[in-house]
Structure formats: structure tokens, C-alpha cells
C-alpha atoms as a PDB file:
ATOM      1  CA  MET A   1     158.315 121.370 218.658  1.00  0.00           C
ATOM      2  CA  LYS A   2     157.105 118.468 220.560  1.00  0.00           C
ATOM      3  CA  GLU A   3     154.559 120.656 222.172  1.00  0.00           C
ATOM      4  CA  LYS A   4     153.374 121.800 218.793  1.00  0.00           C
ATOM      5  CA  GLU A   5     153.073 118.231 217.605  1.00  0.00           C
ATOM      6  CA  THR A   6     151.204 117.255 220.730  1.00  0.00           C
ATOM      7  CA  THR A   7     148.840 120.177 220.307  1.00  0.00           C
ATOM      8  CA  VAL A   8     148.281 119.330 216.656  1.00  0.00           C
ATOM      9  CA  MET A   9     147.667 115.713 217.565  1.00  0.00           C
ATOM     10  CA  GLU A  10     145.293 116.672 220.299  1.00  0.00           C
ATOM     11  CA  GLU A  11     143.441 118.902 217.886  1.00  0.00           C
ATOM     12  CA  GLU A  12     143.308 116.111 215.324  1.00  0.00           C
ATOM     13  CA  ASN A  13     142.069 113.698 217.990  1.00  0.00           C
ATOM     14  CA  GLU A  14     139.433 116.201 219.020  1.00  0.00           C
ATOM     15  CA  ASN A  15     138.402 116.677 215.384  1.00  0.00           C
ATOM     16  CA  VAL A  16     138.189 112.917 214.879  1.00  0.00           C
ATOM     17  CA  ALA A  17     136.186 112.536 218.106  1.00  0.00           C
ATOM     18  CA  GLU A  18     133.868 115.353 217.079  1.00  0.00           C
ATOM     19  CA  GLN A  19     133.381 113.773 213.665  1.00  0.00           C
ATOM     20  CA  GLU A  20     132.634 110.404 215.259  1.00  0.00           C
ATOM     21  CA  VAL A  21     130.144 111.981 217.690  1.00  0.00           C
ATOM     22  CA  SER A  22     128.601 113.947 214.833  1.00  0.00           C
ATOM     23  CA  ALA A  23     128.336 110.784 212.721  1.00  0.00           C
ATOM     24  CA  GLU A  24     126.745 108.893 215.624  1.00  0.00           C
ATOM     25  CA  MET A  25     124.292 111.736 216.187  1.00  0.00           C
ATOM     26  CA  ASN A  26     123.427 111.780 212.480  1.00  0.00           C
ATOM     27  CA  ASN A  27     122.922 108.003 212.558  1.00  0.00           C
ATOM     28  CA  GLU A  28     120.725 108.311 215.659  1.00  0.00           C
ATOM     29  CA  LYS A  29     118.820 111.186 214.051  1.00  0.00           C
ATOM     30  CA  ASP A  30     118.289 109.139 210.895  1.00  0.00           C
ATOM     31  CA  SER A  31     117.211 106.079 212.870  1.00  0.00           C
ATOM     32  CA  ASN A  32     114.923 108.249 215.054  1.00  0.00           C
ATOM     33  CA  GLU A  33     113.362 109.765 211.937  1.00  0.00           C
ATOM     34  CA  VAL A  34     112.829 106.268 210.510  1.00  0.00           C
ATOM     35  CA  GLY A  35     111.342 105.111 213.834  1.00  0.00           C
ATOM     36  CA  VAL A  36     109.057 108.140 214.012  1.00  0.00           C
ATOM     37  CA  GLN A  37     107.949 107.564 210.422  1.00  0.00           C
ATOM     38  CA  GLU A  38     107.224 103.891 211.178  1.00  0.00           C
ATOM     39  CA  GLU A  39     105.208 104.856 214.258  1.00  0.00           C
ATOM     40  CA  GLN A  40     103.279 107.466 212.261  1.00  0.00           C
ATOM     41  CA  ASP A  41     102.523 104.839 209.593  1.00  0.00           C
ATOM     42  CA  GLU A  42     101.372 102.407 212.283  1.00  0.00           C
ATOM     43  CA  VAL A  43      99.166 105.083 213.895  1.00  0.00           C
ATOM     44  CA  SER A  44      97.701 105.883 210.477  1.00  0.00           C
ATOM     45  CA  GLN A  45      96.944 102.199 209.851  1.00  0.00           C
ATOM     46  CA  LEU A  46      95.356 101.852 213.286  1.00  0.00           C
ATOM     47  CA  LYS A  47      93.187 104.914 212.668  1.00  0.00           C
ATOM     48  CA  GLN A  48      92.077 103.442 209.347  1.00  0.00           C
ATOM     49  CA  THR A  49      91.289 100.102 211.012  1.00  0.00           C
ATOM     50  CA  ILE A  50      89.291 101.872 213.730  1.00  0.00           C
ATOM     51  CA  GLU A  51      87.323 103.800 211.101  1.00  0.00           C
ATOM     52  CA  GLU A  52      86.579 100.593 209.160  1.00  0.00           C
ATOM     53  CA  LEU A  53      85.440  98.834 212.340  1.00  0.00           C
ATOM     54  CA  GLN A  54      83.233 101.773 213.315  1.00  0.00           C
ATOM     55  CA  ASN A  55      81.635 101.722 209.849  1.00  0.00           C
ATOM     56  CA  ARG A  56      81.051  97.973 210.121  1.00  0.00           C
ATOM     57  CA  LEU A  57      79.510  98.466 213.552  1.00  0.00           C
ATOM     58  CA  LEU A  58      77.169 101.159 212.232  1.00  0.00           C
ATOM     59  CA  ARG A  59      76.120  98.952 209.300  1.00  0.00           C
ATOM     60  CA  THR A  60      75.537  96.011 211.640  1.00  0.00           C
ATOM     61  CA  GLN A  61      73.448  98.164 213.972  1.00  0.00           C
ATOM     62  CA  ALA A  62      71.417  99.449 211.012  1.00  0.00           C
ATOM     63  CA  ASP A  63      70.917  95.899 209.708  1.00  0.00           C
ATOM     64  CA  PHE A  64      69.792  94.747 213.148  1.00  0.00           C
ATOM     65  CA  GLU A  65      67.353  97.652 213.479  1.00  0.00           C
ATOM     66  CA  ASN A  66      65.919  96.857 210.028  1.00  0.00           C
ATOM     67  CA  PHE A  67      65.596  93.205 211.065  1.00  0.00           C
ATOM     68  CA  ARG A  68      63.730  94.210 214.241  1.00  0.00           C
ATOM     69  CA  LYS A  69      61.339  96.414 212.257  1.00  0.00           C
ATOM     70  CA  ARG A  70      60.741  93.704 209.660  1.00  0.00           C
ATOM     71  CA  THR A  71      60.054  91.013 212.277  1.00  0.00           C
ATOM     72  CA  ARG A  72      57.738  93.367 214.187  1.00  0.00           C
ATOM     73  CA  VAL A  73      55.732  94.022 211.002  1.00  0.00           C
ATOM     74  CA  GLU A  74      55.643  90.291 210.198  1.00  0.00           C
ATOM     75  CA  LYS A  75      54.506  89.526 213.743  1.00  0.00           C
ATOM     76  CA  GLU A  76      51.740  92.128 213.493  1.00  0.00           C
ATOM     77  CA  GLU A  77      50.624  90.661 210.156  1.00  0.00           C
ATOM     78  CA  LEU A  78      50.663  87.157 211.602  1.00  0.00           C
ATOM     79  CA  ALA A  79      48.617  88.229 214.628  1.00  0.00           C
ATOM     80  CA  LYS A  80      46.220  90.129 212.392  1.00  0.00           C
ATOM     81  CA  TYR A  81      45.403  87.112 210.235  1.00  0.00           C
ATOM     82  CA  ALA A  82      46.186  84.217 212.605  1.00  0.00           C
ATOM     83  CA  THR A  83      42.516  83.424 213.119  1.00  0.00           C
ATOM     84  CA  ALA A  84      41.628  83.599 209.417  1.00  0.00           C
ATOM     85  CA  LYS A  85      41.802  79.809 209.006  1.00  0.00           C
ATOM     86  CA  LEU A  86      39.610  79.238 212.066  1.00  0.00           C
ATOM     87  CA  VAL A  87      37.056  81.818 210.973  1.00  0.00           C
ATOM     88  CA  GLU A  88      36.958  80.309 207.486  1.00  0.00           C
ATOM     89  CA  SER A  89      36.337  76.872 209.020  1.00  0.00           C
ATOM     90  CA  LEU A  90      33.449  78.243 211.091  1.00  0.00           C
ATOM     91  CA  LEU A  91      31.659  79.901 208.166  1.00  0.00           C
ATOM     92  CA  PRO A  92      29.755  76.722 207.129  1.00  0.00           C
ATOM     93  CA  ALA A  93      28.466  76.395 210.712  1.00  0.00           C
ATOM     94  CA  ILE A  94      27.260  80.003 210.609  1.00  0.00           C
ATOM     95  CA  ASP A  95      25.556  79.261 207.282  1.00  0.00           C
ATOM     96  CA  ASN A  96      23.794  76.288 208.895  1.00  0.00           C
ATOM     97  CA  PHE A  97      22.699  78.445 211.853  1.00  0.00           C
ATOM     98  CA  GLU A  98      21.152  80.893 209.403  1.00  0.00           C
ATOM     99  CA  ARG A  99      19.364  78.044 207.600  1.00  0.00           C
ATOM    100  CA  ALA A 100      18.055  76.681 210.921  1.00  0.00           C
ATOM    101  CA  ILE A 101      16.760  80.119 211.926  1.00  0.00           C
ATOM    102  CA  ASP A 102      15.123  80.637 208.519  1.00  0.00           C
ATOM    103  CA  SER A 103      13.470  77.198 208.572  1.00  0.00           C
ATOM    104  CA  SER A 104      12.130  77.759 212.097  1.00  0.00           C
ATOM    105  CA  LYS A 105      10.248  80.831 210.880  1.00  0.00           C
ATOM    106  CA  ASP A 106       8.339  78.736 208.346  1.00  0.00           C
ATOM    107  CA  SER A 107       7.703  75.786 210.630  1.00  0.00           C
ATOM    108  CA  GLN A 108       6.280  75.327 214.065  1.00  0.00           C
ATOM    109  CA  ASN A 109       8.164  72.046 214.501  1.00  0.00           C
ATOM    110  CA  LEU A 110      10.642  72.651 217.331  1.00  0.00           C
ATOM    111  CA  ASP A 111      12.117  69.167 217.023  1.00  0.00           C
ATOM    112  CA  LEU A 112      13.443  69.961 213.541  1.00  0.00           C
ATOM    113  CA  PHE A 113      14.836  73.254 214.803  1.00  0.00           C
ATOM    114  CA  LEU A 114      16.546  71.487 217.715  1.00  0.00           C
ATOM    115  CA  GLN A 115      18.038  68.898 215.353  1.00  0.00           C
ATOM    116  CA  GLY A 116      19.413  71.721 213.181  1.00  0.00           C
ATOM    117  CA  VAL A 117      20.961  73.494 216.174  1.00  0.00           C
ATOM    118  CA  GLU A 118      22.497  70.222 217.427  1.00  0.00           C
ATOM    119  CA  MET A 119      23.942  69.591 213.968  1.00  0.00           C
ATOM    120  CA  VAL A 120      25.523  73.065 213.943  1.00  0.00           C
ATOM    121  CA  TYR A 121      26.859  72.535 217.478  1.00  0.00           C
ATOM    122  CA  ARG A 122      28.566  69.300 216.428  1.00  0.00           C
ATOM    123  CA  GLN A 123      29.966  71.024 213.348  1.00  0.00           C
ATOM    124  CA  ILE A 124      31.469  73.861 215.423  1.00  0.00           C
ATOM    125  CA  GLU A 125      32.781  71.373 217.978  1.00  0.00           C
ATOM    126  CA  GLN A 126      34.465  69.383 215.195  1.00  0.00           C
ATOM    127  CA  VAL A 127      36.153  72.498 213.736  1.00  0.00           C
ATOM    128  CA  LEU A 128      37.445  73.551 217.147  1.00  0.00           C
ATOM    129  CA  THR A 129      38.698  70.030 217.908  1.00  0.00           C
ATOM    130  CA  GLN A 130      40.612  70.036 214.622  1.00  0.00           C
ATOM    131  CA  GLU A 131      42.230  73.301 215.729  1.00  0.00           C
ATOM    132  CA  GLY A 132      43.448  71.640 218.933  1.00  0.00           C
ATOM    133  CA  LEU A 133      40.654  72.517 221.374  1.00  0.00           C
ATOM    134  CA  GLU A 134      39.792  69.835 223.915  1.00  0.00           C
ATOM    135  CA  LYS A 135      37.372  69.720 226.826  1.00  0.00           C
ATOM    136  CA  ILE A 136      38.782  69.293 230.316  1.00  0.00           C
ATOM    137  CA  GLU A 137      37.376  66.257 232.099  1.00  0.00           C
ATOM    138  CA  ALA A 138      36.012  67.288 235.470  1.00  0.00           C
ATOM    139  CA  VAL A 139      33.275  65.187 237.113  1.00  0.00           C
ATOM    140  CA  GLY A 140      34.719  62.224 239.017  1.00  0.00           C
ATOM    141  CA  GLN A 141      38.286  63.524 238.640  1.00  0.00           C
ATOM    142  CA  PRO A 142      40.529  64.598 241.539  1.00  0.00           C
ATOM    143  CA  PHE A 143      40.486  68.365 241.944  1.00  0.00           C
ATOM    144  CA  ASN A 144      43.457  69.940 240.136  1.00  0.00           C
ATOM    145  CA  PRO A 145      43.875  73.714 240.624  1.00  0.00           C
ATOM    146  CA  GLU A 146      45.735  73.947 237.307  1.00  0.00           C
ATOM    147  CA  ILE A 147      42.658  72.900 235.315  1.00  0.00           C
ATOM    148  CA  HIS A 148      39.751  73.314 237.757  1.00  0.00           C
ATOM    149  CA  GLN A 149      38.374  76.357 239.526  1.00  0.00           C
ATOM    150  CA  ALA A 150      36.508  75.376 242.682  1.00  0.00           C
ATOM    151  CA  VAL A 151      33.560  77.669 243.316  1.00  0.00           C
ATOM    152  CA  MET A 152      31.741  75.510 245.860  1.00  0.00           C
ATOM    153  CA  GLN A 153      32.467  72.737 248.303  1.00  0.00           C
ATOM    154  CA  VAL A 154      29.781  70.157 249.090  1.00  0.00           C
ATOM    155  CA  GLU A 155      29.550  66.982 251.143  1.00  0.00           C
ATOM    156  CA  THR A 156      28.306  63.823 249.505  1.00  0.00           C
ATOM    157  CA  ASP A 157      28.798  60.109 250.039  1.00  0.00           C
ATOM    158  CA  GLU A 158      28.896  59.428 246.286  1.00  0.00           C
ATOM    159  CA  PHE A 159      32.492  60.689 245.887  1.00  0.00           C
ATOM    160  CA  ASP A 160      35.684  60.650 247.930  1.00  0.00           C
ATOM    161  CA  SER A 161      37.059  63.836 249.433  1.00  0.00           C
ATOM    162  CA  GLY A 162      38.744  66.174 246.923  1.00  0.00           C
ATOM    163  CA  ILE A 163      36.851  64.765 243.934  1.00  0.00           C
ATOM    164  CA  VAL A 164      34.907  67.005 241.529  1.00  0.00           C
ATOM    165  CA  VAL A 165      31.189  66.244 241.947  1.00  0.00           C
ATOM    166  CA  GLU A 166      29.673  68.704 239.463  1.00  0.00           C
ATOM    167  CA  GLU A 167      30.836  70.859 236.573  1.00  0.00           C
ATOM    168  CA  LEU A 168      29.180  74.277 236.465  1.00  0.00           C
ATOM    169  CA  GLN A 169      31.018  75.505 233.358  1.00  0.00           C
ATOM    170  CA  LYS A 170      33.139  73.487 230.945  1.00  0.00           C
ATOM    171  CA  GLY A 171      36.863  74.103 230.843  1.00  0.00           C
ATOM    172  CA  TYR A 172      39.000  73.940 227.721  1.00  0.00           C
ATOM    173  CA  LYS A 173      42.617  73.424 226.698  1.00  0.00           C
ATOM    174  CA  LEU A 174      44.068  74.597 223.427  1.00  0.00           C
ATOM    175  CA  LYS A 175      47.050  72.453 222.474  1.00  0.00           C
ATOM    176  CA  GLU A 176      48.028  71.639 226.074  1.00  0.00           C
ATOM    177  CA  LYS A 177      47.420  75.182 227.369  1.00  0.00           C
ATOM    178  CA  VAL A 178      44.440  75.792 229.641  1.00  0.00           C
ATOM    179  CA  ILE A 179      42.446  78.629 228.129  1.00  0.00           C
ATOM    180  CA  ARG A 180      39.571  78.331 230.580  1.00  0.00           C
ATOM    181  CA  PRO A 181      39.532  76.177 233.720  1.00  0.00           C
ATOM    182  CA  SER A 182      36.407  74.161 234.550  1.00  0.00           C
ATOM    183  CA  MET A 183      34.219  75.785 237.219  1.00  0.00           C
ATOM    184  CA  VAL A 184      33.422  72.956 239.609  1.00  0.00           C
ATOM    185  CA  LYS A 185      31.938  71.823 242.907  1.00  0.00           C
ATOM    186  CA  VAL A 186      34.326  69.705 244.977  1.00  0.00           C
ATOM    187  CA  ASN A 187      33.487  67.112 247.624  1.00  0.00           C
ATOM    188  CA  ALA A 188      34.762  68.137 251.055  1.00  0.00           C
END
């Protein structure tokens, strides 16, 4: 009978062990399912975040492209009409040139015509000076390749070596930028 009891006890122990293993497996299965569900939720959230970021990137790229187009159009408009103020300032000088030409047809007095042309010259010079144009000083100045263009070299006792002795064509700066260097003769 002892054998029977031992067998029954062994069977009961096996049943209890099986139940414990089964319970542990169920707990692991439940916790694995919860873990998988959490990971799937996290993946879903990450996908949504990626999609939102991609949409923001596309909108930002579109905004930047629109900005580039708008600034290009504004730049073209600015370049197109940048000289309008200057041209408007020169119109009175052109009117005076026309008056001088018309008056010279009626008169043989060249002195009056010359006075009219000189007046128009001063008027144009004044407008350009107001816009920032300035003449480059040349004669008697040391040669400077940034503002002078030497086209000839001469020898004279009037000036030291490397000094500009004659200006063949005036040079000009517009607001500190050389727009045309002076063409000069330099003492050797």
C-alpha cells in the first residue's frame, strides 16, 4: 500500500508541478503579449511621429522654395527700376540740353550756346554727385593700380618717379567702388 501511496503522491506532485509550469507559461505568455502590444504601440507612435516630421519637412521645403521665388522676383523688380530715381533726376538736364540746342538754331551766338552746355554739364554733375559719384584725383598723385590705369610712361623733371603726370580719361568711384579707373601717364 505504501507503493500505491507513493505512486499517488508522485502523481500528485507531478500534477502540481505541471500546473505550476503551466501557470508560469501562461503568465509569461500574458506578459509577452503585453510586451508585444506595448512594442506595437510604440512602433505605431514612432511611425506617426516620422510621418508628421516628413510632412513638416515638405512644408518647410515648399515655404523655402516660395521664399526663393518671391525674393528672385523682388530682386528682378528692384534691378528693373533701380535707376528710375537717377533717370528722373537727369530729366531736367535733358530738357536744358534740348533748350540749348533749340536756341542755337535761332542764334549765331556760340558763347550763349557754350554757356547753356556748361550749365547743363554742371547740372548733370550735381545729380551724379548726389547719387554718390565722385571723380578720382589723378594728376600729381602717386600711381595706384586700384584707381589708375597706366597707359603710358614718360620722363619729366616736374614730378617724382611713380607720380601721375597727365590724366587722359577721368576715373570715377560710385560710393567707394571704382567704376572706371583713370587712364593716366606716369613719370618713370
